[in-house]
Amino acid sequence: MPKERTNIYITERQKKQLEKRSMEEDLPMAEIIRRALDTYLAWDDPTYHPIPPKPRTKERA
């Protein structure tokens, strides 16, 4: 699914938490934000169904 770039402002604390979770889950911060946004949008709208992300493949050296 195509993605559109946007800018958001977050607090320093939010950024630190995102960086921490990004490292722990081996996911980009943008993916964590997209998932959080999907959860928020689906909270009270039963018609909202996010498209699941494709599994990430990572070559390990």
PDB file of N, CA and C in Angstrom:
ATOM      1  N   MET A   1       0.848  -1.172   0.000  1.00  0.00           N
ATOM      2  CA  MET A   1       0.000   0.000   0.000  1.00  0.00           C
ATOM      3  C   MET A   1       0.895   1.237   0.000  1.00  0.00           C
ATOM      4  N   PRO A   2       0.608   2.201  -0.872  1.00  0.00           N
ATOM      5  CA  PRO A   2       1.431   3.414  -0.902  1.00  0.00           C
ATOM      6  C   PRO A   2       1.286   4.210   0.394  1.00  0.00           C
ATOM      7  N   LYS A   3       2.352   4.837   0.765  1.00  0.00           N
ATOM      8  CA  LYS A   3       2.360   5.650   1.983  1.00  0.00           C
ATOM      9  C   LYS A   3       2.580   7.101   1.601  1.00  0.00           C
ATOM     10  N   GLU A   4       2.061   7.989   2.436  1.00  0.00           N
ATOM     11  CA  GLU A   4       2.231   9.416   2.216  1.00  0.00           C
ATOM     12  C   GLU A   4       3.020   9.996   3.377  1.00  0.00           C
ATOM     13  N   ARG A   5       3.985  10.798   3.062  1.00  0.00           N
ATOM     14  CA  ARG A   5       4.816  11.408   4.096  1.00  0.00           C
ATOM     15  C   ARG A   5       4.063  12.539   4.780  1.00  0.00           C
ATOM     16  N   THR A   6       4.205  12.606   6.091  1.00  0.00           N
ATOM     17  CA  THR A   6       3.621  13.694   6.867  1.00  0.00           C
ATOM     18  C   THR A   6       4.539  13.997   8.042  1.00  0.00           C
ATOM     19  N   ASN A   7       4.396  15.154   8.611  1.00  0.00           N
ATOM     20  CA  ASN A   7       5.202  15.531   9.773  1.00  0.00           C
ATOM     21  C   ASN A   7       4.299  15.653  10.986  1.00  0.00           C
ATOM     22  N   ILE A   8       4.796  15.209  12.127  1.00  0.00           N
ATOM     23  CA  ILE A   8       4.065  15.355  13.376  1.00  0.00           C
ATOM     24  C   ILE A   8       5.027  15.897  14.430  1.00  0.00           C
ATOM     25  N   TYR A   9       4.469  16.485  15.441  1.00  0.00           N
ATOM     26  CA  TYR A   9       5.273  16.959  16.558  1.00  0.00           C
ATOM     27  C   TYR A   9       4.990  16.060  17.746  1.00  0.00           C
ATOM     28  N   ILE A  10       6.044  15.535  18.344  1.00  0.00           N
ATOM     29  CA  ILE A  10       5.909  14.699  19.525  1.00  0.00           C
ATOM     30  C   ILE A  10       6.834  15.236  20.609  1.00  0.00           C
ATOM     31  N   THR A  11       6.544  14.848  21.827  1.00  0.00           N
ATOM     32  CA  THR A  11       7.381  15.310  22.927  1.00  0.00           C
ATOM     33  C   THR A  11       8.683  14.506  22.953  1.00  0.00           C
ATOM     34  N   GLU A  12       9.638  15.014  23.682  1.00  0.00           N
ATOM     35  CA  GLU A  12      10.914  14.313  23.830  1.00  0.00           C
ATOM     36  C   GLU A  12      10.685  12.945  24.477  1.00  0.00           C
ATOM     37  N   ARG A  13       9.804  12.920  25.467  1.00  0.00           N
ATOM     38  CA  ARG A  13       9.503  11.654  26.142  1.00  0.00           C
ATOM     39  C   ARG A  13       8.886  10.642  25.170  1.00  0.00           C
ATOM     40  N   GLN A  14       7.942  11.081  24.321  1.00  0.00           N
ATOM     41  CA  GLN A  14       7.340  10.188  23.336  1.00  0.00           C
ATOM     42  C   GLN A  14       8.394   9.648  22.380  1.00  0.00           C
ATOM     43  N   LYS A  15       9.310  10.520  21.960  1.00  0.00           N
ATOM     44  CA  LYS A  15      10.353  10.083  21.035  1.00  0.00           C
ATOM     45  C   LYS A  15      11.249   9.034  21.680  1.00  0.00           C
ATOM     46  N   LYS A  16      11.617   9.239  22.930  1.00  0.00           N
ATOM     47  CA  LYS A  16      12.463   8.263  23.621  1.00  0.00           C
ATOM     48  C   LYS A  16      11.760   6.924  23.737  1.00  0.00           C
ATOM     49  N   GLN A  17      10.463   6.961  24.058  1.00  0.00           N
ATOM     50  CA  GLN A  17       9.705   5.711  24.172  1.00  0.00           C
ATOM     51  C   GLN A  17       9.588   5.020  22.816  1.00  0.00           C
ATOM     52  N   LEU A  18       9.359   5.801  21.762  1.00  0.00           N
ATOM     53  CA  LEU A  18       9.289   5.230  20.418  1.00  0.00           C
ATOM     54  C   LEU A  18      10.619   4.604  20.011  1.00  0.00           C
ATOM     55  N   GLU A  19      11.705   5.292  20.292  1.00  0.00           N
ATOM     56  CA  GLU A  19      13.030   4.754  19.954  1.00  0.00           C
ATOM     57  C   GLU A  19      13.278   3.448  20.695  1.00  0.00           C
ATOM     58  N   LYS A  20      12.907   3.418  21.967  1.00  0.00           N
ATOM     59  CA  LYS A  20      13.094   2.215  22.775  1.00  0.00           C
ATOM     60  C   LYS A  20      12.296   1.049  22.198  1.00  0.00           C
ATOM     61  N   ARG A  21      11.022   1.301  21.911  1.00  0.00           N
ATOM     62  CA  ARG A  21      10.179   0.237  21.370  1.00  0.00           C
ATOM     63  C   ARG A  21      10.650  -0.178  19.977  1.00  0.00           C
ATOM     64  N   SER A  22      11.108   0.769  19.198  1.00  0.00           N
ATOM     65  CA  SER A  22      11.629   0.479  17.868  1.00  0.00           C
ATOM     66  C   SER A  22      12.806  -0.493  17.944  1.00  0.00           C
ATOM     67  N   MET A  23      13.680  -0.262  18.875  1.00  0.00           N
ATOM     68  CA  MET A  23      14.840  -1.146  19.061  1.00  0.00           C
ATOM     69  C   MET A  23      14.393  -2.528  19.549  1.00  0.00           C
ATOM     70  N   GLU A  24      13.491  -2.551  20.523  1.00  0.00           N
ATOM     71  CA  GLU A  24      13.027  -3.816  21.099  1.00  0.00           C
ATOM     72  C   GLU A  24      12.286  -4.681  20.087  1.00  0.00           C
ATOM     73  N   GLU A  25      11.482  -4.054  19.243  1.00  0.00           N
ATOM     74  CA  GLU A  25      10.651  -4.795  18.300  1.00  0.00           C
ATOM     75  C   GLU A  25      11.257  -4.884  16.903  1.00  0.00           C
ATOM     76  N   ASP A  26      12.410  -4.250  16.716  1.00  0.00           N
ATOM     77  CA  ASP A  26      13.070  -4.237  15.415  1.00  0.00           C
ATOM     78  C   ASP A  26      12.119  -3.741  14.315  1.00  0.00           C
ATOM     79  N   LEU A  27      11.444  -2.632  14.636  1.00  0.00           N
ATOM     80  CA  LEU A  27      10.524  -1.998  13.695  1.00  0.00           C
ATOM     81  C   LEU A  27      10.858  -0.519  13.586  1.00  0.00           C
ATOM     82  N   PRO A  28      10.614   0.062  12.427  1.00  0.00           N
ATOM     83  CA  PRO A  28      10.805   1.513  12.312  1.00  0.00           C
ATOM     84  C   PRO A  28       9.783   2.246  13.178  1.00  0.00           C
ATOM     85  N   MET A  29      10.168   3.416  13.672  1.00  0.00           N
ATOM     86  CA  MET A  29       9.245   4.212  14.472  1.00  0.00           C
ATOM     87  C   MET A  29       7.976   4.523  13.683  1.00  0.00           C
ATOM     88  N   ALA A  30       8.103   4.759  12.394  1.00  0.00           N
ATOM     89  CA  ALA A  30       6.932   5.074  11.573  1.00  0.00           C
ATOM     90  C   ALA A  30       5.923   3.926  11.586  1.00  0.00           C
ATOM     91  N   GLU A  31       6.384   2.701  11.578  1.00  0.00           N
ATOM     92  CA  GLU A  31       5.475   1.549  11.612  1.00  0.00           C
ATOM     93  C   GLU A  31       4.740   1.478  12.947  1.00  0.00           C
ATOM     94  N   ILE A  32       5.436   1.766  14.025  1.00  0.00           N
ATOM     95  CA  ILE A  32       4.796   1.760  15.342  1.00  0.00           C
ATOM     96  C   ILE A  32       3.723   2.850  15.400  1.00  0.00           C
ATOM     97  N   ILE A  33       4.022   4.008  14.849  1.00  0.00           N
ATOM     98  CA  ILE A  33       3.051   5.104  14.830  1.00  0.00           C
ATOM     99  C   ILE A  33       1.849   4.725  13.965  1.00  0.00           C
ATOM    100  N   ARG A  34       2.096   4.114  12.792  1.00  0.00           N
ATOM    101  CA  ARG A  34       0.980   3.693  11.936  1.00  0.00           C
ATOM    102  C   ARG A  34       0.081   2.702  12.661  1.00  0.00           C
ATOM    103  N   ARG A  35       0.670   1.747  13.372  1.00  0.00           N
ATOM    104  CA  ARG A  35      -0.119   0.758  14.107  1.00  0.00           C
ATOM    105  C   ARG A  35      -0.928   1.410  15.217  1.00  0.00           C
ATOM    106  N   ALA A  36      -0.324   2.368  15.915  1.00  0.00           N
ATOM    107  CA  ALA A  36      -1.041   3.072  16.976  1.00  0.00           C
ATOM    108  C   ALA A  36      -2.203   3.872  16.382  1.00  0.00           C
ATOM    109  N   LEU A  37      -1.983   4.502  15.255  1.00  0.00           N
ATOM    110  CA  LEU A  37      -3.028   5.273  14.603  1.00  0.00           C
ATOM    111  C   LEU A  37      -4.161   4.361  14.142  1.00  0.00           C
ATOM    112  N   ASP A  38      -3.825   3.205  13.585  1.00  0.00           N
ATOM    113  CA  ASP A  38      -4.854   2.231  13.191  1.00  0.00           C
ATOM    114  C   ASP A  38      -5.699   1.815  14.387  1.00  0.00           C
ATOM    115  N   THR A  39      -5.059   1.562  15.510  1.00  0.00           N
ATOM    116  CA  THR A  39      -5.781   1.174  16.722  1.00  0.00           C
ATOM    117  C   THR A  39      -6.726   2.288  17.148  1.00  0.00           C
ATOM    118  N   TYR A  40      -6.242   3.515  17.134  1.00  0.00           N
ATOM    119  CA  TYR A  40      -7.056   4.666  17.511  1.00  0.00           C
ATOM    120  C   TYR A  40      -8.252   4.824  16.571  1.00  0.00           C
ATOM    121  N   LEU A  41      -8.024   4.728  15.272  1.00  0.00           N
ATOM    122  CA  LEU A  41      -9.096   4.924  14.303  1.00  0.00           C
ATOM    123  C   LEU A  41     -10.153   3.819  14.371  1.00  0.00           C
ATOM    124  N   ALA A  42      -9.743   2.612  14.712  1.00  0.00           N
ATOM    125  CA  ALA A  42     -10.671   1.485  14.811  1.00  0.00           C
ATOM    126  C   ALA A  42     -11.406   1.448  16.152  1.00  0.00           C
ATOM    127  N   TRP A  43     -10.958   2.236  17.109  1.00  0.00           N
ATOM    128  CA  TRP A  43     -11.499   2.203  18.472  1.00  0.00           C
ATOM    129  C   TRP A  43     -13.026   2.303  18.495  1.00  0.00           C
ATOM    130  N   ASP A  44     -13.571   3.291  17.786  1.00  0.00           N
ATOM    131  CA  ASP A  44     -15.019   3.466  17.827  1.00  0.00           C
ATOM    132  C   ASP A  44     -15.667   3.453  16.444  1.00  0.00           C
ATOM    133  N   ASP A  45     -14.944   2.926  15.458  1.00  0.00           N
ATOM    134  CA  ASP A  45     -15.486   2.832  14.108  1.00  0.00           C
ATOM    135  C   ASP A  45     -15.369   1.394  13.626  1.00  0.00           C
ATOM    136  N   PRO A  46     -16.451   0.615  13.750  1.00  0.00           N
ATOM    137  CA  PRO A  46     -16.367  -0.797  13.360  1.00  0.00           C
ATOM    138  C   PRO A  46     -16.138  -1.009  11.869  1.00  0.00           C
ATOM    139  N   THR A  47     -16.312   0.049  11.055  1.00  0.00           N
ATOM    140  CA  THR A  47     -16.089  -0.102   9.620  1.00  0.00           C
ATOM    141  C   THR A  47     -14.620   0.079   9.240  1.00  0.00           C
ATOM    142  N   TYR A  48     -13.810   0.571  10.175  1.00  0.00           N
ATOM    143  CA  TYR A  48     -12.388   0.802   9.868  1.00  0.00           C
ATOM    144  C   TYR A  48     -11.619  -0.503  10.010  1.00  0.00           C
ATOM    145  N   HIS A  49     -11.000  -0.925   8.925  1.00  0.00           N
ATOM    146  CA  HIS A  49     -10.182  -2.135   8.936  1.00  0.00           C
ATOM    147  C   HIS A  49      -8.838  -1.817   8.290  1.00  0.00           C
ATOM    148  N   PRO A  50      -7.797  -1.712   9.090  1.00  0.00           N
ATOM    149  CA  PRO A  50      -6.488  -1.420   8.499  1.00  0.00           C
ATOM    150  C   PRO A  50      -5.997  -2.590   7.659  1.00  0.00           C
ATOM    151  N   ILE A  51      -5.238  -2.262   6.658  1.00  0.00           N
ATOM    152  CA  ILE A  51      -4.612  -3.304   5.848  1.00  0.00           C
ATOM    153  C   ILE A  51      -3.389  -3.784   6.612  1.00  0.00           C
ATOM    154  N   PRO A  52      -3.310  -5.092   6.917  1.00  0.00           N
ATOM    155  CA  PRO A  52      -2.152  -5.576   7.674  1.00  0.00           C
ATOM    156  C   PRO A  52      -0.851  -5.332   6.903  1.00  0.00           C
ATOM    157  N   PRO A  53       0.199  -4.949   7.625  1.00  0.00           N
ATOM    158  CA  PRO A  53       1.477  -4.724   6.939  1.00  0.00           C
ATOM    159  C   PRO A  53       2.053  -6.036   6.429  1.00  0.00           C
ATOM    160  N   LYS A  54       2.815  -5.932   5.354  1.00  0.00           N
ATOM    161  CA  LYS A  54       3.508  -7.113   4.843  1.00  0.00           C
ATOM    162  C   LYS A  54       4.593  -7.516   5.839  1.00  0.00           C
ATOM    163  N   PRO A  55       4.811  -8.815   6.002  1.00  0.00           N
ATOM    164  CA  PRO A  55       5.892  -9.246   6.905  1.00  0.00           C
ATOM    165  C   PRO A  55       7.222  -8.704   6.418  1.00  0.00           C
ATOM    166  N   ARG A  56       8.031  -8.244   7.358  1.00  0.00           N
ATOM    167  CA  ARG A  56       9.350  -7.724   7.013  1.00  0.00           C
ATOM    168  C   ARG A  56      10.314  -8.877   6.836  1.00  0.00           C
ATOM    169  N   THR A  57      11.124  -8.763   5.831  1.00  0.00           N
ATOM    170  CA  THR A  57      12.195  -9.739   5.646  1.00  0.00           C
ATOM    171  C   THR A  57      13.496  -8.990   5.850  1.00  0.00           C
ATOM    172  N   LYS A  58      14.372  -9.609   6.590  1.00  0.00           N
ATOM    173  CA  LYS A  58      15.633  -8.954   6.896  1.00  0.00           C
ATOM    174  C   LYS A  58      16.750  -9.971   6.677  1.00  0.00           C
ATOM    175  N   GLU A  59      17.677  -9.586   5.828  1.00  0.00           N
ATOM    176  CA  GLU A  59      18.816 -10.469   5.593  1.00  0.00           C
ATOM    177  C   GLU A  59      19.802 -10.286   6.715  1.00  0.00           C
ATOM    178  N   ARG A  60      20.219 -11.344   7.273  1.00  0.00           N
ATOM    179  CA  ARG A  60      21.205 -11.297   8.359  1.00  0.00           C
ATOM    180  C   ARG A  60      22.541 -11.775   7.817  1.00  0.00           C
ATOM    181  N   ALA A  61      23.553 -11.013   8.125  1.00  0.00           N
ATOM    182  CA  ALA A  61      24.896 -11.364   7.647  1.00  0.00           C
ATOM    183  C   ALA A  61      25.599 -12.242   8.640  1.00  0.00           C
TER     184      ALA A  61
END
